[in-house]
Amino acid sequence: LMGKSADAINGVFTLLAVAMGIASVLAVTVVQRRGQIGILRAMGLSRGKVARVFMWQGTLLGILGSIAGVGLGVAIARLFIMNALDEKGEPIFPITVDTQLMITASLIAVGVGVVAAAWPSLRAAGLDPAEAIRNE
């Protein structure tokens, strides 16, 4: 029971760290692109379309992160199985790669990317075009 609760706590803090990382990358992007966002808004781009650009960016970060994470995790597990052997040549710690777990982790990563993108997206959409261009 203690192991499961520790795993859950680790999972929650990992999700929070990932969400904060994605949100901070997108928040910095909003700040860096403030003038460009202002120009696009002044040219008639709606707030919704500006928000969607950043939501797509967060989704893409989640997708790419999940692909990289699953790929790296499988590669490390295979390397560990091949190199951590006992004197008989068998793996010391047999590791099984669970497809269902990989799919679930990937879906969670994409979901976290979308949720983390919400605040920067709303911030970008709420920029006043004149102020954004003037402060650029």
N, C-alpha and C. Protein backbone atom coordinates (compact mmCIF):
# COMPACT_ATOMS: atom_id res chain seq x y z
N LEU A 1 0.84 -1.21 0.00
CA LEU A 1 0.00 0.00 0.00
C LEU A 1 0.87 1.26 0.00
N MET A 2 1.95 1.22 0.76
CA MET A 2 2.82 2.39 0.83
C MET A 2 3.46 2.68 -0.53
N GLY A 3 3.82 1.63 -1.26
CA GLY A 3 4.44 1.80 -2.56
C GLY A 3 3.50 2.46 -3.55
N LYS A 4 2.22 2.08 -3.52
CA LYS A 4 1.25 2.66 -4.45
C LYS A 4 1.01 4.13 -4.16
N SER A 5 0.94 4.50 -2.88
CA SER A 5 0.70 5.91 -2.56
C SER A 5 1.94 6.75 -2.91
N ALA A 6 3.13 6.18 -2.72
CA ALA A 6 4.34 6.90 -3.09
C ALA A 6 4.41 7.09 -4.61
N ASP A 7 4.01 6.06 -5.36
CA ASP A 7 3.97 6.17 -6.81
C ASP A 7 2.97 7.24 -7.25
N ALA A 8 1.83 7.29 -6.57
CA ALA A 8 0.82 8.29 -6.91
C ALA A 8 1.33 9.70 -6.63
N ILE A 9 2.01 9.87 -5.51
CA ILE A 9 2.56 11.18 -5.17
C ILE A 9 3.62 11.58 -6.18
N ASN A 10 4.49 10.64 -6.54
CA ASN A 10 5.51 10.93 -7.56
C ASN A 10 4.85 11.32 -8.88
N GLY A 11 3.80 10.61 -9.25
CA GLY A 11 3.08 10.90 -10.49
C GLY A 11 2.47 12.28 -10.49
N VAL A 12 1.87 12.66 -9.37
CA VAL A 12 1.24 13.98 -9.27
C VAL A 12 2.29 15.08 -9.38
N PHE A 13 3.41 14.94 -8.69
CA PHE A 13 4.44 15.97 -8.75
C PHE A 13 5.10 16.01 -10.13
N THR A 14 5.22 14.86 -10.77
CA THR A 14 5.75 14.85 -12.14
C THR A 14 4.81 15.59 -13.08
N LEU A 15 3.50 15.33 -12.97
CA LEU A 15 2.53 16.04 -13.80
C LEU A 15 2.56 17.54 -13.55
N LEU A 16 2.69 17.93 -12.29
CA LEU A 16 2.77 19.36 -11.97
C LEU A 16 4.02 19.99 -12.58
N ALA A 17 5.14 19.28 -12.50
CA ALA A 17 6.38 19.81 -13.08
C ALA A 17 6.26 19.95 -14.59
N VAL A 18 5.67 18.95 -15.24
CA VAL A 18 5.48 19.00 -16.69
C VAL A 18 4.55 20.15 -17.06
N ALA A 19 3.45 20.28 -16.34
CA ALA A 19 2.49 21.35 -16.62
C ALA A 19 3.13 22.72 -16.44
N MET A 20 3.91 22.89 -15.38
CA MET A 20 4.57 24.18 -15.16
C MET A 20 5.61 24.44 -16.25
N GLY A 21 6.30 23.40 -16.71
CA GLY A 21 7.27 23.57 -17.78
C GLY A 21 6.63 24.02 -19.07
N ILE A 22 5.54 23.36 -19.45
CA ILE A 22 4.84 23.72 -20.68
C ILE A 22 4.24 25.12 -20.56
N ALA A 23 3.61 25.41 -19.43
CA ALA A 23 3.01 26.73 -19.24
C ALA A 23 4.07 27.82 -19.28
N SER A 24 5.24 27.57 -18.69
CA SER A 24 6.28 28.60 -18.70
C SER A 24 6.85 28.81 -20.09
N VAL A 25 7.01 27.73 -20.87
CA VAL A 25 7.49 27.89 -22.25
C VAL A 25 6.50 28.72 -23.06
N LEU A 26 5.22 28.43 -22.91
CA LEU A 26 4.21 29.17 -23.66
C LEU A 26 4.08 30.61 -23.16
N ALA A 27 4.23 30.82 -21.85
CA ALA A 27 4.16 32.19 -21.31
C ALA A 27 5.32 33.03 -21.86
N VAL A 28 6.51 32.43 -21.94
CA VAL A 28 7.66 33.15 -22.50
C VAL A 28 7.41 33.44 -23.98
N THR A 29 6.83 32.48 -24.68
CA THR A 29 6.51 32.68 -26.10
C THR A 29 5.55 33.85 -26.28
N VAL A 30 4.55 33.94 -25.40
CA VAL A 30 3.60 35.05 -25.48
C VAL A 30 4.33 36.37 -25.29
N VAL A 31 5.22 36.43 -24.32
CA VAL A 31 5.97 37.67 -24.06
C VAL A 31 6.85 38.01 -25.26
N GLN A 32 7.55 37.00 -25.79
CA GLN A 32 8.45 37.24 -26.93
C GLN A 32 7.69 37.64 -28.18
N ARG A 33 6.52 37.13 -28.36
CA ARG A 33 5.73 37.37 -29.58
C ARG A 33 4.66 38.44 -29.39
N ARG A 34 4.78 39.20 -28.32
CA ARG A 34 3.76 40.21 -27.98
C ARG A 34 3.49 41.16 -29.15
N GLY A 35 4.52 41.69 -29.75
CA GLY A 35 4.35 42.62 -30.87
C GLY A 35 3.69 41.95 -32.07
N GLN A 36 4.11 40.74 -32.38
CA GLN A 36 3.52 40.01 -33.50
C GLN A 36 2.05 39.70 -33.24
N ILE A 37 1.74 39.31 -32.00
CA ILE A 37 0.34 39.05 -31.65
C ILE A 37 -0.47 40.34 -31.80
N GLY A 38 0.11 41.47 -31.34
CA GLY A 38 -0.58 42.76 -31.47
C GLY A 38 -0.85 43.11 -32.92
N ILE A 39 0.13 42.89 -33.80
CA ILE A 39 -0.05 43.19 -35.22
C ILE A 39 -1.14 42.31 -35.83
N LEU A 40 -1.11 41.01 -35.50
CA LEU A 40 -2.14 40.10 -36.03
C LEU A 40 -3.53 40.49 -35.52
N ARG A 41 -3.60 40.88 -34.24
CA ARG A 41 -4.90 41.31 -33.70
C ARG A 41 -5.36 42.60 -34.38
N ALA A 42 -4.42 43.54 -34.63
CA ALA A 42 -4.77 44.80 -35.29
C ALA A 42 -5.24 44.55 -36.73
N MET A 43 -4.73 43.49 -37.35
CA MET A 43 -5.13 43.16 -38.72
C MET A 43 -6.46 42.39 -38.76
N GLY A 44 -7.03 42.12 -37.59
CA GLY A 44 -8.35 41.51 -37.56
C GLY A 44 -8.42 40.07 -37.08
N LEU A 45 -7.30 39.49 -36.67
CA LEU A 45 -7.33 38.12 -36.15
C LEU A 45 -8.09 38.11 -34.84
N SER A 46 -9.03 37.22 -34.71
CA SER A 46 -9.89 37.20 -33.52
C SER A 46 -9.13 36.67 -32.30
N ARG A 47 -9.66 37.00 -31.14
CA ARG A 47 -9.08 36.51 -29.88
C ARG A 47 -9.09 34.98 -29.85
N GLY A 48 -10.16 34.40 -30.36
CA GLY A 48 -10.27 32.94 -30.37
C GLY A 48 -9.19 32.29 -31.20
N LYS A 49 -8.87 32.88 -32.35
CA LYS A 49 -7.82 32.30 -33.21
C LYS A 49 -6.45 32.45 -32.57
N VAL A 50 -6.21 33.56 -31.89
CA VAL A 50 -4.94 33.73 -31.18
C VAL A 50 -4.83 32.67 -30.08
N ALA A 51 -5.91 32.48 -29.34
CA ALA A 51 -5.91 31.47 -28.27
C ALA A 51 -5.68 30.07 -28.85
N ARG A 52 -6.30 29.78 -29.98
CA ARG A 52 -6.14 28.45 -30.60
C ARG A 52 -4.70 28.18 -31.03
N VAL A 53 -4.01 29.20 -31.49
CA VAL A 53 -2.60 29.02 -31.89
C VAL A 53 -1.80 28.50 -30.69
N PHE A 54 -1.99 29.11 -29.54
CA PHE A 54 -1.23 28.69 -28.36
C PHE A 54 -1.74 27.37 -27.79
N MET A 55 -3.02 27.11 -27.94
CA MET A 55 -3.55 25.81 -27.50
C MET A 55 -2.95 24.70 -28.37
N TRP A 56 -2.85 24.94 -29.67
CA TRP A 56 -2.23 23.95 -30.55
C TRP A 56 -0.76 23.76 -30.21
N GLN A 57 -0.10 24.84 -29.86
CA GLN A 57 1.30 24.73 -29.48
C GLN A 57 1.46 23.88 -28.22
N GLY A 58 0.60 24.06 -27.24
CA GLY A 58 0.64 23.24 -26.03
C GLY A 58 0.32 21.79 -26.32
N THR A 59 -0.64 21.56 -27.21
CA THR A 59 -0.99 20.20 -27.60
C THR A 59 0.20 19.54 -28.30
N LEU A 60 0.83 20.27 -29.19
CA LEU A 60 1.99 19.74 -29.91
C LEU A 60 3.14 19.42 -28.94
N LEU A 61 3.37 20.29 -27.96
CA LEU A 61 4.39 20.01 -26.95
C LEU A 61 4.05 18.73 -26.19
N GLY A 62 2.79 18.54 -25.85
CA GLY A 62 2.37 17.32 -25.16
C GLY A 62 2.58 16.07 -26.01
N ILE A 63 2.24 16.17 -27.29
CA ILE A 63 2.40 15.03 -28.21
C ILE A 63 3.88 14.70 -28.39
N LEU A 64 4.68 15.71 -28.68
CA LEU A 64 6.11 15.47 -28.87
C LEU A 64 6.77 14.97 -27.59
N GLY A 65 6.36 15.52 -26.47
CA GLY A 65 6.89 15.06 -25.18
C GLY A 65 6.53 13.63 -24.89
N SER A 66 5.30 13.24 -25.21
CA SER A 66 4.90 11.86 -24.96
C SER A 66 5.63 10.89 -25.88
N ILE A 67 5.82 11.27 -27.14
CA ILE A 67 6.57 10.41 -28.06
C ILE A 67 8.01 10.26 -27.59
N ALA A 68 8.64 11.37 -27.23
CA ALA A 68 10.02 11.32 -26.75
C ALA A 68 10.13 10.53 -25.45
N GLY A 69 9.20 10.75 -24.54
CA GLY A 69 9.22 10.06 -23.26
C GLY A 69 9.04 8.56 -23.39
N VAL A 70 8.07 8.15 -24.19
CA VAL A 70 7.84 6.72 -24.40
C VAL A 70 9.04 6.09 -25.11
N GLY A 71 9.53 6.76 -26.14
CA GLY A 71 10.68 6.23 -26.88
C GLY A 71 11.91 6.09 -25.99
N LEU A 72 12.20 7.13 -25.22
CA LEU A 72 13.35 7.10 -24.33
C LEU A 72 13.17 6.06 -23.23
N GLY A 73 11.97 5.97 -22.69
CA GLY A 73 11.70 4.98 -21.64
C GLY A 73 11.89 3.55 -22.14
N VAL A 74 11.38 3.26 -23.32
CA VAL A 74 11.53 1.91 -23.90
C VAL A 74 13.00 1.62 -24.19
N ALA A 75 13.71 2.61 -24.74
CA ALA A 75 15.13 2.42 -25.05
C ALA A 75 15.95 2.17 -23.79
N ILE A 76 15.71 2.93 -22.75
CA ILE A 76 16.44 2.75 -21.50
C ILE A 76 16.11 1.39 -20.88
N ALA A 77 14.83 1.01 -20.91
CA ALA A 77 14.45 -0.30 -20.37
C ALA A 77 15.16 -1.42 -21.12
N ARG A 78 15.21 -1.34 -22.43
CA ARG A 78 15.89 -2.38 -23.22
C ARG A 78 17.39 -2.40 -22.94
N LEU A 79 18.00 -1.23 -22.85
CA LEU A 79 19.43 -1.18 -22.52
C LEU A 79 19.70 -1.79 -21.14
N PHE A 80 18.82 -1.49 -20.21
CA PHE A 80 18.98 -2.01 -18.86
C PHE A 80 18.84 -3.53 -18.86
N ILE A 81 17.87 -4.06 -19.58
CA ILE A 81 17.66 -5.51 -19.66
C ILE A 81 18.88 -6.19 -20.29
N MET A 82 19.44 -5.57 -21.32
CA MET A 82 20.57 -6.17 -22.02
C MET A 82 21.87 -6.07 -21.23
N ASN A 83 22.02 -5.06 -20.38
CA ASN A 83 23.30 -4.83 -19.72
C ASN A 83 23.33 -5.17 -18.24
N ALA A 84 22.21 -5.21 -17.57
CA ALA A 84 22.17 -5.55 -16.14
C ALA A 84 21.86 -7.04 -16.01
N LEU A 85 22.91 -7.85 -16.16
CA LEU A 85 22.75 -9.30 -16.18
C LEU A 85 23.43 -9.94 -14.97
N ASP A 86 22.89 -11.08 -14.53
CA ASP A 86 23.56 -11.82 -13.47
C ASP A 86 24.62 -12.74 -14.09
N GLU A 87 25.22 -13.57 -13.26
CA GLU A 87 26.29 -14.43 -13.77
C GLU A 87 25.81 -15.48 -14.77
N LYS A 88 24.51 -15.75 -14.82
CA LYS A 88 23.95 -16.70 -15.80
C LYS A 88 23.59 -16.02 -17.12
N GLY A 89 23.72 -14.71 -17.15
CA GLY A 89 23.37 -13.98 -18.36
C GLY A 89 21.91 -13.58 -18.45
N GLU A 90 21.18 -13.71 -17.35
CA GLU A 90 19.77 -13.32 -17.31
C GLU A 90 19.63 -11.95 -16.67
N PRO A 91 18.61 -11.21 -17.06
CA PRO A 91 18.42 -9.87 -16.49
C PRO A 91 18.24 -9.92 -14.97
N ILE A 92 18.92 -9.03 -14.28
CA ILE A 92 18.79 -8.95 -12.82
C ILE A 92 17.39 -8.48 -12.45
N PHE A 93 16.92 -7.48 -13.17
CA PHE A 93 15.59 -6.93 -12.94
C PHE A 93 14.82 -7.03 -14.25
N PRO A 94 14.01 -8.07 -14.42
CA PRO A 94 13.25 -8.17 -15.68
C PRO A 94 12.22 -7.03 -15.76
N ILE A 95 12.27 -6.32 -16.86
CA ILE A 95 11.37 -5.18 -17.06
C ILE A 95 10.44 -5.51 -18.21
N THR A 96 9.16 -5.33 -17.98
CA THR A 96 8.20 -5.51 -19.06
C THR A 96 7.67 -4.15 -19.46
N VAL A 97 7.61 -3.92 -20.76
CA VAL A 97 7.09 -2.66 -21.27
C VAL A 97 5.61 -2.88 -21.56
N ASP A 98 4.77 -2.21 -20.79
CA ASP A 98 3.32 -2.37 -20.88
C ASP A 98 2.75 -1.36 -21.87
N THR A 99 2.18 -1.88 -22.95
CA THR A 99 1.63 -1.02 -24.00
C THR A 99 0.50 -0.14 -23.46
N GLN A 100 -0.35 -0.71 -22.63
CA GLN A 100 -1.47 0.07 -22.06
C GLN A 100 -0.95 1.23 -21.22
N LEU A 101 0.11 0.99 -20.47
CA LEU A 101 0.70 2.05 -19.65
C LEU A 101 1.30 3.15 -20.54
N MET A 102 1.94 2.76 -21.63
CA MET A 102 2.52 3.75 -22.54
C MET A 102 1.41 4.61 -23.16
N ILE A 103 0.32 3.99 -23.56
CA ILE A 103 -0.79 4.73 -24.16
C ILE A 103 -1.40 5.68 -23.13
N THR A 104 -1.62 5.18 -21.91
CA THR A 104 -2.19 6.01 -20.85
C THR A 104 -1.28 7.19 -20.53
N ALA A 105 0.02 6.93 -20.40
CA ALA A 105 0.98 8.00 -20.10
C ALA A 105 1.00 9.03 -21.22
N SER A 106 0.92 8.57 -22.46
CA SER A 106 0.92 9.49 -23.60
C SER A 106 -0.33 10.37 -23.60
N LEU A 107 -1.47 9.76 -23.33
CA LEU A 107 -2.72 10.54 -23.28
C LEU A 107 -2.68 11.56 -22.15
N ILE A 108 -2.13 11.17 -21.02
CA ILE A 108 -2.01 12.11 -19.90
C ILE A 108 -1.08 13.26 -20.27
N ALA A 109 0.03 12.95 -20.94
CA ALA A 109 0.98 13.99 -21.34
C ALA A 109 0.32 14.99 -22.28
N VAL A 110 -0.44 14.50 -23.23
CA VAL A 110 -1.13 15.41 -24.16
C VAL A 110 -2.17 16.23 -23.40
N GLY A 111 -2.91 15.59 -22.50
CA GLY A 111 -3.90 16.31 -21.70
C GLY A 111 -3.27 17.39 -20.85
N VAL A 112 -2.14 17.08 -20.24
CA VAL A 112 -1.43 18.07 -19.43
C VAL A 112 -0.96 19.23 -20.31
N GLY A 113 -0.50 18.92 -21.52
CA GLY A 113 -0.08 19.97 -22.45
C GLY A 113 -1.22 20.92 -22.79
N VAL A 114 -2.39 20.35 -23.02
CA VAL A 114 -3.56 21.18 -23.35
C VAL A 114 -3.97 22.04 -22.15
N VAL A 115 -4.04 21.44 -20.98
CA VAL A 115 -4.43 22.19 -19.78
C VAL A 115 -3.40 23.27 -19.46
N ALA A 116 -2.12 22.94 -19.59
CA ALA A 116 -1.06 23.91 -19.29
C ALA A 116 -1.06 25.07 -20.28
N ALA A 117 -1.56 24.85 -21.48
CA ALA A 117 -1.59 25.90 -22.50
C ALA A 117 -2.74 26.88 -22.29
N ALA A 118 -3.69 26.54 -21.45
CA ALA A 118 -4.89 27.38 -21.30
C ALA A 118 -4.56 28.79 -20.82
N TRP A 119 -3.79 28.92 -19.75
CA TRP A 119 -3.50 30.26 -19.21
C TRP A 119 -2.71 31.12 -20.19
N PRO A 120 -1.60 30.62 -20.77
CA PRO A 120 -0.90 31.47 -21.74
C PRO A 120 -1.76 31.80 -22.96
N SER A 121 -2.62 30.88 -23.36
CA SER A 121 -3.49 31.12 -24.51
C SER A 121 -4.46 32.26 -24.23
N LEU A 122 -5.06 32.23 -23.05
CA LEU A 122 -5.98 33.30 -22.68
C LEU A 122 -5.25 34.62 -22.53
N ARG A 123 -4.03 34.57 -22.02
CA ARG A 123 -3.23 35.79 -21.87
C ARG A 123 -2.91 36.39 -23.24
N ALA A 124 -2.53 35.54 -24.19
CA ALA A 124 -2.22 36.02 -25.54
C ALA A 124 -3.46 36.59 -26.21
N ALA A 125 -4.59 35.90 -26.03
CA ALA A 125 -5.83 36.36 -26.66
C ALA A 125 -6.31 37.68 -26.07
N GLY A 126 -5.97 37.93 -24.81
CA GLY A 126 -6.43 39.14 -24.14
C GLY A 126 -5.57 40.37 -24.36
N LEU A 127 -4.48 40.21 -25.12
CA LEU A 127 -3.61 41.37 -25.36
C LEU A 127 -4.33 42.45 -26.15
N ASP A 128 -4.16 43.69 -25.70
CA ASP A 128 -4.69 44.83 -26.44
C ASP A 128 -3.73 45.09 -27.60
N PRO A 129 -4.21 45.08 -28.85
CA PRO A 129 -3.32 45.22 -30.00
C PRO A 129 -2.46 46.48 -29.96
N ALA A 130 -3.06 47.61 -29.64
CA ALA A 130 -2.32 48.88 -29.64
C ALA A 130 -1.23 48.87 -28.58
N GLU A 131 -1.56 48.39 -27.39
CA GLU A 131 -0.58 48.35 -26.30
C GLU A 131 0.54 47.36 -26.61
N ALA A 132 0.20 46.23 -27.20
CA ALA A 132 1.20 45.21 -27.53
C ALA A 132 2.19 45.75 -28.55
N ILE A 133 1.68 46.46 -29.55
CA ILE A 133 2.56 47.01 -30.60
C ILE A 133 3.40 48.15 -30.03
N ARG A 134 2.78 49.01 -29.22
CA ARG A 134 3.46 50.17 -28.67
C ARG A 134 4.61 49.75 -27.74
N ASN A 135 4.41 48.71 -26.95
CA ASN A 135 5.42 48.26 -25.98
C ASN A 135 6.45 47.33 -26.59
N GLU A 136 6.37 47.07 -27.86
CA GLU A 136 7.30 46.16 -28.51
C GLU A 136 8.58 46.83 -28.76
